[in-house]
Every structure is written in C-alpha cells, then in structure tokens.
Amino acid sequence: MFNLTRAYRYYLYGQPTDMRKGFDSLAGLVRSQMQVDPMNGSVYVFLNKSRHLIKLLHWEYGGFTLYYKRLEKGVFERPVLGASQEITWSELMLIIEGIKLGSVVKKERYTLPKK
C-alpha cells in the first residue's frame, strides 16, 4: 500500500543510481553518500541515468519499504541540484506525474517555523 504523505521528509539523491540496487545497497548510499541514517523515517528518492526509473526507499515500522516505478514513455524531471537535496511532497508528486518543475509557480502557504 502506498503509505507516503506530506508528513514525511523527502530527499532526492543527486546522482544517477543503478536501479539494480536493492534495499541494502540503497541504504548504503544514504549512509555513505548522504551521511544520514536511512532508518530515520525520511524517504530517499533515486533516479536512474536515463530518468525512466524511480525508486523511493522508506523505513517503516519493522523494515524498509521500496517503491519502484518504470515509465513506458517519457522521463522523470530531475530538479537542478548538485548534491542530494530535500524536496517537498508536492515536488515529488510533480516529478512522478511528469510535470516540468521549471514551469510551475507555487503560491505562498503558511508553514510552521522549523525548530
């Protein structure tokens, strides 16, 4: 069941990823390259070089969950970033739905101050 919502934090890995990697290898990338614990409850997003495959790694109670999608036509938009970067739930949904991020205008919304 797709159990992801805007309540989670999302991080897009900045480099193309070999999609043959599974739970342990992706968690290893998060630990070694992003310098964070993959079991912290955040969701880690990976795209392959040709951007037609996407994987989301998420630690849930009891173990890792891996979401995987392959596009039959088209590519996923990769936001312009050098290294890994936090993205919002809205940006993730736009990426998955194939909407060009550069053409999106986001209206201001209230958010709680970060602690």
N, C-alpha and C. Protein backbone atom coordinates (compact mmCIF):
# COMPACT_ATOMS: atom_id res chain seq x y z
N MET A 1 0.84 -1.17 0.00
CA MET A 1 0.00 0.00 0.00
C MET A 1 0.90 1.25 0.00
N PHE A 2 0.57 2.22 -0.82
CA PHE A 2 1.32 3.46 -0.88
C PHE A 2 0.98 4.28 0.35
N ASN A 3 1.93 4.36 1.27
CA ASN A 3 1.67 4.95 2.58
C ASN A 3 2.44 6.25 2.78
N LEU A 4 2.77 6.97 1.72
CA LEU A 4 3.56 8.18 1.85
C LEU A 4 2.66 9.41 1.75
N THR A 5 2.95 10.40 2.60
CA THR A 5 2.17 11.64 2.63
C THR A 5 3.12 12.81 2.80
N ARG A 6 2.56 14.00 2.87
CA ARG A 6 3.37 15.19 3.06
C ARG A 6 3.95 15.28 4.47
N ALA A 7 3.58 14.36 5.36
CA ALA A 7 4.10 14.36 6.72
C ALA A 7 5.57 13.94 6.77
N TYR A 8 6.06 13.27 5.74
CA TYR A 8 7.45 12.80 5.71
C TYR A 8 8.37 13.84 5.07
N ARG A 9 9.66 13.66 5.31
CA ARG A 9 10.67 14.48 4.64
C ARG A 9 11.23 13.64 3.48
N TYR A 10 11.45 14.30 2.34
CA TYR A 10 11.89 13.62 1.12
C TYR A 10 13.23 14.18 0.68
N TYR A 11 14.13 13.28 0.31
CA TYR A 11 15.46 13.68 -0.14
C TYR A 11 15.75 13.02 -1.48
N LEU A 12 16.07 13.83 -2.46
CA LEU A 12 16.42 13.33 -3.79
C LEU A 12 17.92 13.15 -3.85
N TYR A 13 18.36 11.93 -4.14
CA TYR A 13 19.78 11.65 -4.28
C TYR A 13 20.28 12.35 -5.55
N GLY A 14 21.38 13.07 -5.46
CA GLY A 14 21.83 13.97 -6.52
C GLY A 14 22.46 13.32 -7.74
N GLN A 15 22.82 12.04 -7.68
CA GLN A 15 23.49 11.38 -8.79
C GLN A 15 22.59 10.28 -9.39
N PRO A 16 22.76 9.98 -10.67
CA PRO A 16 22.04 8.83 -11.24
C PRO A 16 22.41 7.56 -10.49
N THR A 17 21.42 6.69 -10.31
CA THR A 17 21.60 5.49 -9.50
C THR A 17 21.35 4.25 -10.32
N ASP A 18 22.17 3.23 -10.11
CA ASP A 18 22.00 1.92 -10.73
C ASP A 18 20.75 1.29 -10.11
N MET A 19 19.73 1.06 -10.91
CA MET A 19 18.46 0.56 -10.37
C MET A 19 18.47 -0.94 -10.07
N ARG A 20 19.61 -1.59 -10.25
CA ARG A 20 19.72 -2.97 -9.80
C ARG A 20 19.92 -3.02 -8.30
N LYS A 21 20.21 -1.88 -7.69
CA LYS A 21 20.42 -1.81 -6.25
C LYS A 21 19.10 -2.08 -5.51
N GLY A 22 19.22 -2.82 -4.43
CA GLY A 22 18.06 -3.14 -3.61
C GLY A 22 18.09 -2.40 -2.29
N PHE A 23 17.39 -2.93 -1.32
CA PHE A 23 17.25 -2.30 -0.01
C PHE A 23 18.61 -1.95 0.60
N ASP A 24 19.47 -2.95 0.73
CA ASP A 24 20.73 -2.74 1.44
C ASP A 24 21.67 -1.79 0.70
N SER A 25 21.76 -1.92 -0.62
CA SER A 25 22.66 -1.05 -1.38
C SER A 25 22.17 0.40 -1.37
N LEU A 26 20.87 0.62 -1.49
CA LEU A 26 20.34 1.98 -1.44
C LEU A 26 20.52 2.57 -0.04
N ALA A 27 20.28 1.77 0.98
CA ALA A 27 20.51 2.24 2.36
C ALA A 27 21.99 2.57 2.55
N GLY A 28 22.87 1.80 1.93
CA GLY A 28 24.30 2.08 2.00
C GLY A 28 24.65 3.40 1.34
N LEU A 29 24.00 3.72 0.20
CA LEU A 29 24.21 5.02 -0.44
C LEU A 29 23.78 6.16 0.47
N VAL A 30 22.66 5.98 1.12
CA VAL A 30 22.16 7.02 2.03
C VAL A 30 23.16 7.23 3.16
N ARG A 31 23.68 6.13 3.72
CA ARG A 31 24.65 6.24 4.82
C ARG A 31 25.97 6.86 4.36
N SER A 32 26.53 6.34 3.28
CA SER A 32 27.87 6.75 2.87
C SER A 32 27.91 8.07 2.11
N GLN A 33 26.95 8.31 1.23
CA GLN A 33 26.99 9.49 0.38
C GLN A 33 26.20 10.67 0.95
N MET A 34 25.09 10.38 1.60
CA MET A 34 24.25 11.46 2.14
C MET A 34 24.55 11.72 3.61
N GLN A 35 25.31 10.81 4.24
CA GLN A 35 25.75 10.96 5.62
C GLN A 35 24.60 11.04 6.62
N VAL A 36 23.54 10.27 6.38
CA VAL A 36 22.42 10.21 7.33
C VAL A 36 22.00 8.76 7.54
N ASP A 37 21.25 8.52 8.59
CA ASP A 37 20.74 7.19 8.89
C ASP A 37 19.49 6.93 8.06
N PRO A 38 19.49 5.92 7.19
CA PRO A 38 18.31 5.66 6.36
C PRO A 38 17.09 5.19 7.15
N MET A 39 17.28 4.87 8.43
CA MET A 39 16.17 4.42 9.26
C MET A 39 15.58 5.55 10.09
N ASN A 40 15.82 6.81 9.67
CA ASN A 40 15.33 7.96 10.43
C ASN A 40 13.91 8.35 10.07
N GLY A 41 13.25 7.60 9.19
CA GLY A 41 11.85 7.88 8.86
C GLY A 41 11.67 8.74 7.62
N SER A 42 12.76 9.29 7.08
CA SER A 42 12.66 10.08 5.85
C SER A 42 12.55 9.14 4.65
N VAL A 43 12.18 9.72 3.52
CA VAL A 43 12.05 8.96 2.27
C VAL A 43 13.17 9.42 1.33
N TYR A 44 13.87 8.47 0.74
CA TYR A 44 15.00 8.77 -0.14
C TYR A 44 14.63 8.38 -1.56
N VAL A 45 14.81 9.33 -2.48
CA VAL A 45 14.35 9.19 -3.86
C VAL A 45 15.57 9.04 -4.77
N PHE A 46 15.52 8.04 -5.65
CA PHE A 46 16.62 7.75 -6.56
C PHE A 46 16.09 7.68 -7.99
N LEU A 47 16.83 8.27 -8.92
CA LEU A 47 16.51 8.19 -10.35
C LEU A 47 17.68 7.55 -11.08
N ASN A 48 17.38 6.82 -12.16
CA ASN A 48 18.48 6.26 -12.95
C ASN A 48 18.97 7.30 -13.97
N LYS A 49 20.03 6.96 -14.68
CA LYS A 49 20.67 7.90 -15.61
C LYS A 49 19.72 8.37 -16.71
N SER A 50 18.93 7.46 -17.26
CA SER A 50 18.01 7.83 -18.34
C SER A 50 16.69 8.39 -17.81
N ARG A 51 16.52 8.41 -16.49
CA ARG A 51 15.38 9.01 -15.79
C ARG A 51 14.03 8.40 -16.16
N HIS A 52 14.01 7.13 -16.50
CA HIS A 52 12.71 6.49 -16.71
C HIS A 52 12.37 5.52 -15.57
N LEU A 53 13.29 5.41 -14.59
CA LEU A 53 13.06 4.58 -13.41
C LEU A 53 13.23 5.43 -12.16
N ILE A 54 12.36 5.19 -11.18
CA ILE A 54 12.46 5.90 -9.90
C ILE A 54 12.24 4.89 -8.78
N LYS A 55 13.03 5.03 -7.70
CA LYS A 55 12.84 4.21 -6.51
C LYS A 55 12.78 5.13 -5.30
N LEU A 56 11.92 4.79 -4.37
CA LEU A 56 11.80 5.51 -3.11
C LEU A 56 12.05 4.51 -1.98
N LEU A 57 13.01 4.81 -1.13
CA LEU A 57 13.36 3.96 0.00
C LEU A 57 12.84 4.61 1.27
N HIS A 58 12.10 3.84 2.05
CA HIS A 58 11.48 4.39 3.27
C HIS A 58 11.52 3.34 4.37
N TRP A 59 11.98 3.76 5.55
CA TRP A 59 11.94 2.88 6.71
C TRP A 59 10.59 3.04 7.39
N GLU A 60 9.86 1.95 7.51
CA GLU A 60 8.61 1.92 8.25
C GLU A 60 8.79 0.99 9.42
N TYR A 61 7.84 0.99 10.31
CA TYR A 61 7.90 0.11 11.47
C TYR A 61 8.19 -1.31 11.02
N GLY A 62 9.30 -1.86 11.46
CA GLY A 62 9.62 -3.25 11.18
C GLY A 62 10.53 -3.48 9.98
N GLY A 63 10.71 -2.51 9.11
CA GLY A 63 11.59 -2.75 7.97
C GLY A 63 11.48 -1.70 6.88
N PHE A 64 12.31 -1.88 5.86
CA PHE A 64 12.33 -0.96 4.74
C PHE A 64 11.20 -1.28 3.76
N THR A 65 10.70 -0.24 3.13
CA THR A 65 9.75 -0.35 2.04
C THR A 65 10.40 0.28 0.82
N LEU A 66 10.24 -0.35 -0.32
CA LEU A 66 10.82 0.16 -1.55
C LEU A 66 9.70 0.34 -2.57
N TYR A 67 9.52 1.57 -3.04
CA TYR A 67 8.55 1.87 -4.09
C TYR A 67 9.34 2.02 -5.39
N TYR A 68 8.83 1.45 -6.46
CA TYR A 68 9.57 1.41 -7.72
C TYR A 68 8.61 1.67 -8.87
N LYS A 69 8.97 2.58 -9.75
CA LYS A 69 8.12 2.87 -10.91
C LYS A 69 8.97 2.96 -12.16
N ARG A 70 8.48 2.36 -13.24
CA ARG A 70 9.13 2.42 -14.55
C ARG A 70 8.18 3.08 -15.52
N LEU A 71 8.66 4.11 -16.20
CA LEU A 71 7.85 4.76 -17.21
C LEU A 71 7.98 4.02 -18.54
N GLU A 72 6.88 3.81 -19.21
CA GLU A 72 6.90 3.19 -20.53
C GLU A 72 7.20 4.22 -21.61
N LYS A 73 6.92 5.49 -21.31
CA LYS A 73 7.18 6.57 -22.25
C LYS A 73 7.49 7.83 -21.44
N GLY A 74 8.48 8.59 -21.88
CA GLY A 74 8.83 9.83 -21.20
C GLY A 74 9.87 9.62 -20.12
N VAL A 75 10.19 10.70 -19.41
CA VAL A 75 11.20 10.66 -18.35
C VAL A 75 10.70 11.44 -17.14
N PHE A 76 11.31 11.15 -16.00
CA PHE A 76 11.05 11.92 -14.80
C PHE A 76 11.89 13.18 -14.84
N GLU A 77 11.32 14.30 -14.42
CA GLU A 77 12.04 15.56 -14.32
C GLU A 77 12.99 15.50 -13.13
N ARG A 78 14.24 15.91 -13.35
CA ARG A 78 15.19 15.99 -12.24
C ARG A 78 15.39 17.46 -11.91
N PRO A 79 15.07 17.86 -10.69
CA PRO A 79 15.32 19.25 -10.31
C PRO A 79 16.80 19.58 -10.44
N VAL A 80 17.12 20.83 -10.68
CA VAL A 80 18.51 21.25 -10.80
C VAL A 80 19.12 21.27 -9.41
N LEU A 81 20.07 20.38 -9.19
CA LEU A 81 20.78 20.34 -7.93
C LEU A 81 22.11 19.65 -8.12
N GLY A 82 23.07 20.02 -7.34
CA GLY A 82 24.38 19.41 -7.45
C GLY A 82 24.48 18.17 -6.60
N ALA A 83 24.19 18.32 -5.33
CA ALA A 83 24.26 17.20 -4.40
C ALA A 83 22.84 16.78 -4.04
N SER A 84 22.73 15.90 -3.08
CA SER A 84 21.42 15.48 -2.62
C SER A 84 20.71 16.67 -1.98
N GLN A 85 19.40 16.68 -2.11
CA GLN A 85 18.64 17.84 -1.67
C GLN A 85 17.27 17.42 -1.18
N GLU A 86 16.78 18.15 -0.18
CA GLU A 86 15.43 17.90 0.30
C GLU A 86 14.44 18.47 -0.71
N ILE A 87 13.42 17.69 -0.99
CA ILE A 87 12.34 18.14 -1.86
C ILE A 87 11.03 18.02 -1.08
N THR A 88 10.03 18.73 -1.53
CA THR A 88 8.73 18.67 -0.85
C THR A 88 7.88 17.54 -1.43
N TRP A 89 6.83 17.21 -0.70
CA TRP A 89 5.86 16.22 -1.17
C TRP A 89 5.29 16.67 -2.51
N SER A 90 4.97 17.96 -2.62
CA SER A 90 4.41 18.50 -3.86
C SER A 90 5.37 18.33 -5.03
N GLU A 91 6.66 18.62 -4.80
CA GLU A 91 7.66 18.45 -5.86
C GLU A 91 7.78 16.99 -6.27
N LEU A 92 7.74 16.08 -5.29
CA LEU A 92 7.79 14.66 -5.61
C LEU A 92 6.61 14.25 -6.48
N MET A 93 5.42 14.71 -6.13
CA MET A 93 4.23 14.37 -6.92
C MET A 93 4.34 14.95 -8.34
N LEU A 94 4.87 16.14 -8.48
CA LEU A 94 5.06 16.73 -9.81
C LEU A 94 6.06 15.91 -10.62
N ILE A 95 7.14 15.48 -9.98
CA ILE A 95 8.13 14.64 -10.66
C ILE A 95 7.48 13.35 -11.14
N ILE A 96 6.74 12.70 -10.26
CA ILE A 96 6.10 11.42 -10.61
C ILE A 96 5.04 11.60 -11.69
N GLU A 97 4.32 12.70 -11.67
CA GLU A 97 3.26 12.95 -12.65
C GLU A 97 3.77 13.52 -13.96
N GLY A 98 5.07 13.83 -14.04
CA GLY A 98 5.64 14.28 -15.31
C GLY A 98 5.46 15.75 -15.60
N ILE A 99 5.29 16.55 -14.58
CA ILE A 99 5.10 17.99 -14.78
C ILE A 99 6.45 18.68 -14.69
N LYS A 100 6.74 19.54 -15.67
CA LYS A 100 8.02 20.24 -15.72
C LYS A 100 8.10 21.23 -14.57
N LEU A 101 9.08 21.03 -13.70
CA LEU A 101 9.19 21.82 -12.48
C LEU A 101 9.51 23.29 -12.75
N GLY A 102 10.23 23.57 -13.83
CA GLY A 102 10.59 24.94 -14.14
C GLY A 102 9.41 25.82 -14.50
N SER A 103 8.32 25.21 -14.95
CA SER A 103 7.15 25.98 -15.38
C SER A 103 6.10 26.13 -14.28
N VAL A 104 6.37 25.57 -13.12
CA VAL A 104 5.40 25.59 -12.03
C VAL A 104 5.60 26.85 -11.19
N VAL A 105 4.50 27.50 -10.88
CA VAL A 105 4.53 28.65 -9.98
C VAL A 105 3.78 28.26 -8.72
N LYS A 106 4.50 28.27 -7.60
CA LYS A 106 3.90 27.84 -6.34
C LYS A 106 3.43 29.07 -5.56
N LYS A 107 2.21 29.04 -5.13
CA LYS A 107 1.64 30.11 -4.30
C LYS A 107 2.14 29.95 -2.87
N GLU A 108 2.29 31.06 -2.19
CA GLU A 108 2.79 31.05 -0.83
C GLU A 108 1.77 30.42 0.11
N ARG A 109 2.27 29.60 1.03
CA ARG A 109 1.45 28.96 2.05
C ARG A 109 2.14 29.13 3.39
N TYR A 110 1.35 29.15 4.44
CA TYR A 110 1.90 29.24 5.79
C TYR A 110 2.51 27.91 6.18
N THR A 111 3.67 27.95 6.79
CA THR A 111 4.27 26.76 7.37
C THR A 111 4.78 27.11 8.75
N LEU A 112 4.80 26.13 9.61
CA LEU A 112 5.32 26.34 10.96
C LEU A 112 6.82 26.59 10.87
N PRO A 113 7.34 27.45 11.71
CA PRO A 113 8.80 27.68 11.72
C PRO A 113 9.54 26.40 12.07
N LYS A 114 10.69 26.17 11.42
CA LYS A 114 11.50 24.99 11.72
C LYS A 114 12.22 25.18 13.04
N LYS A 115 12.30 24.11 13.81
CA LYS A 115 12.95 24.18 15.13
C LYS A 115 14.43 23.98 14.99
